[in-house]
Amino acid sequence: MSAPASADGWRCETLTTWGRVRHARTSALAAPASDAALAAALTASATPVIAYGVGRCYGDAALNGGARTLLSRRRNRILAVESDPPALGAEAGVSFDELSAALHPAG
């Protein structure tokens, strides 16, 4: 459930854990696509912010009840896949499915 967004884009939303056992009411913002807009959103307030990707965090670390949560799912680009040495660079919103699809051709 989410409420209408404020002028700066933050809105009250309830987030859940992977098993939907725990819930947290938080002020949430869908991550802006540009790095400059993201930096501006994160520095506009002294309130702590935590990133929330696809809700698959073991231990529920991404639940930030009563504070601010950056919904990073739309920042889901895989930036680089290297084979020697093996390495991958990705944004915070990449899912396991997207990682698997990117790495599958590499074996």
N, C-alpha and C. Protein backbone atom coordinates (compact mmCIF):
# COMPACT_ATOMS: atom_id res chain seq x y z
N MET A 1 0.84 -1.17 0.00
CA MET A 1 0.00 0.00 0.00
C MET A 1 0.88 1.23 0.00
N SER A 2 0.51 2.20 -0.76
CA SER A 2 1.28 3.44 -0.75
C SER A 2 0.34 4.62 -0.80
N ALA A 3 0.82 5.72 -0.25
CA ALA A 3 0.06 6.97 -0.21
C ALA A 3 0.54 7.85 -1.35
N PRO A 4 -0.19 8.92 -1.66
CA PRO A 4 0.27 9.84 -2.70
C PRO A 4 1.65 10.40 -2.34
N ALA A 5 2.46 10.63 -3.35
CA ALA A 5 3.82 11.14 -3.12
C ALA A 5 3.80 12.61 -2.74
N SER A 6 4.80 13.00 -1.93
CA SER A 6 4.96 14.40 -1.58
C SER A 6 5.58 15.13 -2.77
N ALA A 7 5.76 16.43 -2.64
CA ALA A 7 6.31 17.23 -3.74
C ALA A 7 7.71 16.76 -4.13
N ASP A 8 8.46 16.22 -3.18
CA ASP A 8 9.82 15.77 -3.50
C ASP A 8 9.87 14.29 -3.90
N GLY A 9 8.71 13.64 -4.05
CA GLY A 9 8.65 12.27 -4.55
C GLY A 9 8.57 11.18 -3.49
N TRP A 10 8.81 11.50 -2.23
CA TRP A 10 8.73 10.51 -1.16
C TRP A 10 7.26 10.22 -0.84
N ARG A 11 6.94 8.95 -0.58
CA ARG A 11 5.57 8.59 -0.21
C ARG A 11 5.61 7.52 0.88
N CYS A 12 4.59 7.49 1.69
CA CYS A 12 4.48 6.51 2.76
C CYS A 12 4.11 5.16 2.14
N GLU A 13 4.86 4.13 2.48
CA GLU A 13 4.64 2.82 1.88
C GLU A 13 4.97 1.73 2.89
N THR A 14 4.29 0.60 2.78
CA THR A 14 4.59 -0.56 3.62
C THR A 14 5.40 -1.55 2.79
N LEU A 15 6.59 -1.90 3.28
CA LEU A 15 7.46 -2.87 2.61
C LEU A 15 7.46 -4.16 3.41
N THR A 16 7.69 -5.27 2.72
CA THR A 16 7.72 -6.57 3.38
C THR A 16 9.03 -7.27 3.10
N THR A 17 9.27 -8.34 3.86
CA THR A 17 10.45 -9.16 3.66
C THR A 17 10.16 -10.23 2.62
N TRP A 18 11.15 -11.03 2.33
CA TRP A 18 11.03 -12.08 1.32
C TRP A 18 9.85 -13.00 1.62
N GLY A 19 9.72 -13.46 2.85
CA GLY A 19 8.64 -14.35 3.21
C GLY A 19 7.37 -13.62 3.63
N ARG A 20 7.38 -12.31 3.52
CA ARG A 20 6.25 -11.45 3.88
C ARG A 20 5.84 -11.63 5.35
N VAL A 21 6.82 -11.98 6.19
CA VAL A 21 6.57 -12.17 7.61
C VAL A 21 6.64 -10.83 8.34
N ARG A 22 7.65 -10.03 8.03
CA ARG A 22 7.81 -8.73 8.69
C ARG A 22 7.41 -7.62 7.73
N HIS A 23 6.93 -6.53 8.30
CA HIS A 23 6.50 -5.37 7.53
C HIS A 23 7.09 -4.11 8.16
N ALA A 24 7.30 -3.10 7.36
CA ALA A 24 7.77 -1.81 7.88
C ALA A 24 7.08 -0.69 7.11
N ARG A 25 6.58 0.28 7.84
CA ARG A 25 6.00 1.49 7.24
C ARG A 25 7.13 2.50 7.13
N THR A 26 7.36 2.98 5.92
CA THR A 26 8.52 3.84 5.66
C THR A 26 8.17 4.93 4.66
N SER A 27 8.98 5.93 4.60
CA SER A 27 8.87 6.94 3.55
C SER A 27 9.76 6.46 2.41
N ALA A 28 9.16 6.18 1.26
CA ALA A 28 9.88 5.53 0.16
C ALA A 28 9.99 6.44 -1.06
N LEU A 29 11.08 6.27 -1.79
CA LEU A 29 11.32 7.00 -3.02
C LEU A 29 11.85 6.04 -4.07
N ALA A 30 11.20 5.99 -5.23
CA ALA A 30 11.73 5.22 -6.35
C ALA A 30 13.00 5.91 -6.82
N ALA A 31 14.09 5.17 -6.87
CA ALA A 31 15.39 5.75 -7.19
C ALA A 31 15.37 6.45 -8.54
N PRO A 32 15.79 7.72 -8.57
CA PRO A 32 15.88 8.42 -9.85
C PRO A 32 16.89 7.74 -10.78
N ALA A 33 16.68 7.86 -12.06
CA ALA A 33 17.56 7.21 -13.03
C ALA A 33 18.94 7.88 -13.10
N SER A 34 18.99 9.19 -12.92
CA SER A 34 20.29 9.86 -13.03
C SER A 34 21.00 9.92 -11.69
N ASP A 35 22.32 9.82 -11.72
CA ASP A 35 23.12 9.89 -10.50
C ASP A 35 22.98 11.24 -9.81
N ALA A 36 22.87 12.32 -10.58
CA ALA A 36 22.73 13.65 -9.99
C ALA A 36 21.41 13.79 -9.23
N ALA A 37 20.32 13.31 -9.82
CA ALA A 37 19.02 13.37 -9.14
C ALA A 37 19.01 12.47 -7.92
N LEU A 38 19.67 11.33 -7.99
CA LEU A 38 19.76 10.44 -6.85
C LEU A 38 20.53 11.10 -5.71
N ALA A 39 21.66 11.71 -6.01
CA ALA A 39 22.45 12.41 -4.99
C ALA A 39 21.64 13.53 -4.35
N ALA A 40 20.91 14.27 -5.14
CA ALA A 40 20.09 15.36 -4.61
C ALA A 40 19.01 14.82 -3.67
N ALA A 41 18.38 13.72 -4.04
CA ALA A 41 17.33 13.14 -3.20
C ALA A 41 17.88 12.63 -1.87
N LEU A 42 19.08 12.08 -1.91
CA LEU A 42 19.67 11.50 -0.70
C LEU A 42 20.24 12.56 0.25
N THR A 43 20.61 13.70 -0.27
CA THR A 43 21.21 14.74 0.57
C THR A 43 20.23 15.83 0.97
N ALA A 44 18.99 15.73 0.54
CA ALA A 44 18.00 16.77 0.83
C ALA A 44 17.53 16.74 2.29
N SER A 45 17.80 15.66 3.00
CA SER A 45 17.34 15.52 4.38
C SER A 45 18.41 14.80 5.19
N ALA A 46 18.44 15.07 6.48
CA ALA A 46 19.38 14.39 7.37
C ALA A 46 18.84 13.04 7.84
N THR A 47 17.60 12.71 7.48
CA THR A 47 17.00 11.43 7.87
C THR A 47 17.75 10.28 7.21
N PRO A 48 18.11 9.24 7.98
CA PRO A 48 18.82 8.09 7.40
C PRO A 48 18.01 7.43 6.28
N VAL A 49 18.72 6.91 5.28
CA VAL A 49 18.10 6.24 4.14
C VAL A 49 18.78 4.88 3.96
N ILE A 50 17.97 3.86 3.66
CA ILE A 50 18.51 2.55 3.33
C ILE A 50 17.98 2.14 1.96
N ALA A 51 18.76 1.37 1.22
CA ALA A 51 18.33 0.90 -0.10
C ALA A 51 17.52 -0.38 0.04
N TYR A 52 16.49 -0.51 -0.79
CA TYR A 52 15.63 -1.69 -0.83
C TYR A 52 15.53 -2.11 -2.29
N GLY A 53 16.04 -3.30 -2.61
CA GLY A 53 16.04 -3.76 -4.00
C GLY A 53 14.77 -4.50 -4.36
N VAL A 54 14.85 -5.82 -4.42
CA VAL A 54 13.69 -6.62 -4.80
C VAL A 54 13.07 -7.34 -3.59
N GLY A 55 13.49 -6.97 -2.38
CA GLY A 55 12.90 -7.55 -1.18
C GLY A 55 13.37 -8.95 -0.88
N ARG A 56 14.59 -9.29 -1.27
CA ARG A 56 15.13 -10.63 -1.05
C ARG A 56 16.29 -10.63 -0.07
N CYS A 57 16.22 -9.78 0.94
CA CYS A 57 17.31 -9.64 1.89
C CYS A 57 17.13 -10.63 3.04
N TYR A 58 18.10 -11.51 3.23
CA TYR A 58 18.06 -12.41 4.38
C TYR A 58 18.28 -11.58 5.63
N GLY A 59 17.49 -11.81 6.67
CA GLY A 59 17.63 -11.08 7.91
C GLY A 59 16.89 -9.77 7.96
N ASP A 60 16.18 -9.42 6.91
CA ASP A 60 15.31 -8.25 6.89
C ASP A 60 16.03 -6.93 7.09
N ALA A 61 17.28 -6.85 6.71
CA ALA A 61 18.08 -5.66 6.94
C ALA A 61 17.57 -4.43 6.20
N ALA A 62 16.81 -4.61 5.13
CA ALA A 62 16.36 -3.47 4.34
C ALA A 62 15.04 -2.87 4.81
N LEU A 63 14.53 -3.32 5.94
CA LEU A 63 13.31 -2.72 6.48
C LEU A 63 13.71 -1.57 7.39
N ASN A 64 13.24 -0.39 7.07
CA ASN A 64 13.67 0.83 7.75
C ASN A 64 12.46 1.57 8.29
N GLY A 65 11.69 0.91 9.12
CA GLY A 65 10.44 1.47 9.64
C GLY A 65 10.63 2.84 10.27
N GLY A 66 9.79 3.77 9.88
CA GLY A 66 9.80 5.11 10.43
C GLY A 66 10.85 6.04 9.84
N ALA A 67 11.66 5.55 8.95
CA ALA A 67 12.69 6.40 8.34
C ALA A 67 12.46 6.48 6.83
N ARG A 68 13.53 6.53 6.05
CA ARG A 68 13.40 6.63 4.59
C ARG A 68 14.03 5.44 3.92
N THR A 69 13.41 5.00 2.81
CA THR A 69 13.89 3.85 2.05
C THR A 69 13.95 4.21 0.58
N LEU A 70 15.10 3.96 -0.02
CA LEU A 70 15.28 4.19 -1.45
C LEU A 70 14.94 2.90 -2.18
N LEU A 71 13.92 2.92 -3.01
CA LEU A 71 13.51 1.75 -3.77
C LEU A 71 14.40 1.67 -5.01
N SER A 72 15.41 0.81 -4.94
CA SER A 72 16.45 0.79 -5.97
C SER A 72 16.17 -0.15 -7.12
N ARG A 73 15.01 -0.78 -7.17
CA ARG A 73 14.73 -1.78 -8.22
C ARG A 73 14.90 -1.24 -9.64
N ARG A 74 14.54 0.01 -9.88
CA ARG A 74 14.64 0.52 -11.25
C ARG A 74 16.09 0.81 -11.66
N ARG A 75 17.00 0.82 -10.70
CA ARG A 75 18.43 0.95 -11.04
C ARG A 75 18.98 -0.47 -11.17
N ASN A 76 18.69 -1.09 -12.29
CA ASN A 76 18.96 -2.52 -12.46
C ASN A 76 19.86 -2.85 -13.65
N ARG A 77 20.80 -1.97 -13.92
CA ARG A 77 21.71 -2.24 -15.04
C ARG A 77 22.89 -3.10 -14.59
N ILE A 78 23.24 -4.07 -15.42
CA ILE A 78 24.48 -4.81 -15.24
C ILE A 78 25.52 -4.02 -16.03
N LEU A 79 26.52 -3.53 -15.33
CA LEU A 79 27.47 -2.59 -15.92
C LEU A 79 28.63 -3.27 -16.62
N ALA A 80 29.07 -4.40 -16.10
CA ALA A 80 30.21 -5.09 -16.72
C ALA A 80 30.23 -6.55 -16.29
N VAL A 81 30.62 -7.42 -17.20
CA VAL A 81 30.86 -8.83 -16.90
C VAL A 81 32.24 -9.14 -17.46
N GLU A 82 33.15 -9.50 -16.58
CA GLU A 82 34.53 -9.80 -16.97
C GLU A 82 34.79 -11.29 -16.75
N SER A 83 35.60 -11.88 -17.61
CA SER A 83 35.86 -13.31 -17.47
C SER A 83 37.22 -13.62 -16.85
N ASP A 84 38.20 -12.74 -17.00
CA ASP A 84 39.53 -13.04 -16.48
C ASP A 84 40.18 -11.82 -15.86
N PRO A 85 40.15 -11.70 -14.57
CA PRO A 85 39.54 -12.58 -13.58
C PRO A 85 38.03 -12.38 -13.55
N PRO A 86 37.29 -13.37 -13.08
CA PRO A 86 35.83 -13.26 -13.05
C PRO A 86 35.36 -12.09 -12.17
N ALA A 87 34.55 -11.23 -12.72
CA ALA A 87 34.02 -10.08 -11.97
C ALA A 87 32.75 -9.58 -12.63
N LEU A 88 31.90 -8.97 -11.83
CA LEU A 88 30.66 -8.41 -12.33
C LEU A 88 30.41 -7.10 -11.62
N GLY A 89 30.01 -6.08 -12.38
CA GLY A 89 29.62 -4.80 -11.80
C GLY A 89 28.15 -4.57 -12.11
N ALA A 90 27.37 -4.22 -11.08
CA ALA A 90 25.93 -4.04 -11.26
C ALA A 90 25.40 -2.97 -10.33
N GLU A 91 24.25 -2.40 -10.70
CA GLU A 91 23.56 -1.46 -9.84
C GLU A 91 22.79 -2.22 -8.76
N ALA A 92 22.34 -1.51 -7.75
CA ALA A 92 21.73 -2.12 -6.56
C ALA A 92 20.40 -2.83 -6.83
N GLY A 93 19.70 -2.52 -7.89
CA GLY A 93 18.38 -3.11 -8.13
C GLY A 93 18.38 -4.36 -8.98
N VAL A 94 19.54 -4.89 -9.33
CA VAL A 94 19.60 -6.10 -10.16
C VAL A 94 19.11 -7.30 -9.36
N SER A 95 18.25 -8.11 -9.97
CA SER A 95 17.70 -9.30 -9.30
C SER A 95 18.58 -10.52 -9.60
N PHE A 96 18.37 -11.60 -8.82
CA PHE A 96 19.09 -12.85 -9.06
C PHE A 96 18.79 -13.38 -10.46
N ASP A 97 17.56 -13.23 -10.92
CA ASP A 97 17.18 -13.68 -12.26
C ASP A 97 17.96 -12.93 -13.33
N GLU A 98 18.10 -11.62 -13.16
CA GLU A 98 18.87 -10.82 -14.12
C GLU A 98 20.35 -11.17 -14.08
N LEU A 99 20.89 -11.43 -12.89
CA LEU A 99 22.28 -11.87 -12.78
C LEU A 99 22.48 -13.21 -13.48
N SER A 100 21.56 -14.14 -13.26
CA SER A 100 21.65 -15.44 -13.88
C SER A 100 21.63 -15.34 -15.40
N ALA A 101 20.73 -14.51 -15.93
CA ALA A 101 20.63 -14.33 -17.37
C ALA A 101 21.90 -13.73 -17.95
N ALA A 102 22.52 -12.81 -17.22
CA ALA A 102 23.75 -12.18 -17.70
C ALA A 102 24.94 -13.12 -17.62
N LEU A 103 24.97 -13.98 -16.62
CA LEU A 103 26.12 -14.87 -16.41
C LEU A 103 25.99 -16.21 -17.12
N HIS A 104 24.79 -16.63 -17.46
CA HIS A 104 24.59 -17.92 -18.09
C HIS A 104 25.42 -18.12 -19.36
N PRO A 105 25.47 -17.14 -20.27
CA PRO A 105 26.27 -17.33 -21.47
C PRO A 105 27.77 -17.52 -21.17
N ALA A 106 28.24 -17.02 -20.02
CA ALA A 106 29.65 -17.15 -19.68
C ALA A 106 29.98 -18.53 -19.10
N GLY A 107 28.94 -19.31 -18.83
CA GLY A 107 29.15 -20.66 -18.29
C GLY A 107 29.19 -20.61 -16.83
